[in-house]
Structure formats: C-alpha cells, structure tokens
Amino acid sequence: MTRETVTPYDPAEALTCPEAIAAFMTEAFETGDAAFIAKALGVVARAKGVSELARQTGLSRQQLYDGLSERGNPTLKTLIAVMQALGLTITAKA
C-alpha cells in the first residue's frame, strides 16, 4: 500500500491579484450563505494582511478575526469597510 502525501492548502496564497480576489468573493456571494461569505472575506483579509486591513478600516485585528470567521457575523458597516479597503464593491443584480 502506497502512502500519499497531502499538502495543506491555504486559499489565501492563491489570491495574489485583484481579479482573483474579485472572482473568489463573487463566488462566495453567489452561495447566499452568510457564514461562508464571512469566512471567504476572512481568507481575503489574510491574503492582504489583517494588520494592514485593520489600519485601513479602523477595526482591531481581533474584530476582523472574529467577524470574518465561519462563526462570525459581521455588521453591514464592517462588511462595507472591509470591502472598500480591499478595493471591492457590492453590486446588486436582478
């Protein structure tokens, strides 16, 4: 029996450009799952640097880690602040 080596994968490492981040977040929003969206935004925050994002939004690192986790429930104000700091917008479609 052969053993396979499994390497941990961190999606934050793949988010190296604005287009990748936008595509990642678009797919997250399309799920309609608030917990998944918060977690995805947390992945993007890690990719961009939580400390820098905290400085740009005026939120603490702990607020970002807590709110942008799978169990987090960020307010709309937090969501908008983080999206703006990341250079993203929220768009509604019919």
Protein backbone atom coordinates (compact mmCIF):
# COMPACT_ATOMS: atom_id res chain seq x y z
CA MET A 1 0.00 0.00 0.00
CA THR A 2 1.43 3.36 -1.02
CA ARG A 3 1.05 6.39 1.13
CA GLU A 4 0.09 9.64 -0.47
CA THR A 5 1.44 12.88 0.84
CA VAL A 6 -1.18 15.53 1.38
CA THR A 7 -0.02 19.12 1.43
CA PRO A 8 -2.13 21.65 3.32
CA TYR A 9 -3.77 24.18 1.01
CA ASP A 10 -4.40 27.77 2.01
CA PRO A 11 -6.64 29.57 -0.49
CA ALA A 12 -5.23 32.91 0.70
CA GLU A 13 -1.98 32.03 -1.07
CA ALA A 14 -3.76 31.94 -4.45
CA LEU A 15 -5.30 35.40 -4.02
CA THR A 16 -2.42 37.37 -5.46
CA CYS A 17 -4.23 39.86 -7.69
CA PRO A 18 -7.40 41.98 -7.58
CA GLU A 19 -9.07 39.86 -10.27
CA ALA A 20 -8.56 36.64 -8.29
CA ILE A 21 -9.93 38.28 -5.15
CA ALA A 22 -12.97 39.61 -7.01
CA ALA A 23 -13.71 36.20 -8.55
CA PHE A 24 -13.29 34.49 -5.17
CA MET A 25 -15.68 36.90 -3.46
CA THR A 26 -18.20 36.79 -6.32
CA GLU A 27 -18.43 33.03 -5.95
CA ALA A 28 -18.80 33.39 -2.18
CA PHE A 29 -21.66 35.89 -2.54
CA GLU A 30 -23.39 33.63 -5.06
CA THR A 31 -23.75 30.94 -2.38
CA GLY A 32 -26.05 33.18 -0.36
CA ASP A 33 -24.55 31.64 2.78
CA ALA A 34 -23.67 34.41 5.26
CA ALA A 35 -21.20 32.23 7.21
CA PHE A 36 -19.42 31.20 4.01
CA ILE A 37 -19.24 34.82 2.82
CA ALA A 38 -17.76 35.96 6.15
CA LYS A 39 -15.21 33.15 6.07
CA ALA A 40 -14.28 33.94 2.43
CA LEU A 41 -13.80 37.58 3.33
CA GLY A 42 -11.57 36.42 6.18
CA VAL A 43 -9.46 34.45 3.70
CA VAL A 44 -9.10 37.58 1.56
CA ALA A 45 -8.19 39.59 4.66
CA ARG A 46 -5.40 37.13 5.45
CA ALA A 47 -4.20 37.29 1.85
CA LYS A 48 -3.96 41.08 2.00
CA GLY A 49 -2.70 41.25 5.59
CA VAL A 50 -5.01 41.57 8.58
CA SER A 51 -2.84 44.20 10.28
CA GLU A 52 -2.92 46.46 7.24
CA LEU A 53 -6.65 45.90 6.80
CA ALA A 54 -7.23 46.77 10.47
CA ARG A 55 -5.32 50.02 9.99
CA GLN A 56 -7.29 50.91 6.86
CA THR A 57 -10.71 50.13 8.35
CA GLY A 58 -10.14 51.40 11.88
CA LEU A 59 -11.17 47.99 13.24
CA SER A 60 -8.97 45.93 15.52
CA ARG A 61 -7.29 42.78 14.28
CA GLN A 62 -9.36 40.80 16.77
CA GLN A 63 -12.60 42.32 15.44
CA LEU A 64 -11.58 41.27 11.96
CA TYR A 65 -10.58 37.76 13.00
CA ASP A 66 -13.81 37.31 14.99
CA GLY A 67 -16.18 38.88 12.47
CA LEU A 68 -14.62 37.32 9.39
CA SER A 69 -14.63 33.74 10.56
CA GLU A 70 -17.03 30.91 9.81
CA ARG A 71 -18.85 31.67 13.07
CA GLY A 72 -18.58 35.43 12.66
CA ASN A 73 -21.45 37.70 11.84
CA PRO A 74 -20.01 40.99 10.62
CA THR A 75 -22.26 44.01 10.57
CA LEU A 76 -23.06 45.61 7.23
CA LYS A 77 -20.87 48.53 8.29
CA THR A 78 -17.93 46.17 8.85
CA LEU A 79 -18.59 44.35 5.59
CA ILE A 80 -18.62 47.59 3.62
CA ALA A 81 -15.50 48.94 5.37
CA VAL A 82 -13.56 45.74 4.63
CA MET A 83 -14.78 45.56 1.03
CA GLN A 84 -13.78 49.18 0.43
CA ALA A 85 -10.36 48.66 1.99
CA LEU A 86 -9.89 45.70 -0.34
CA GLY A 87 -10.93 47.77 -3.36
CA LEU A 88 -14.13 45.75 -3.84
CA THR A 89 -17.73 46.83 -4.23
CA ILE A 90 -21.04 45.09 -3.65
CA THR A 91 -23.33 45.05 -6.66
CA ALA A 92 -26.98 44.05 -6.91
CA LYS A 93 -28.28 42.22 -9.98
CA ALA A 94 -31.83 41.42 -11.00
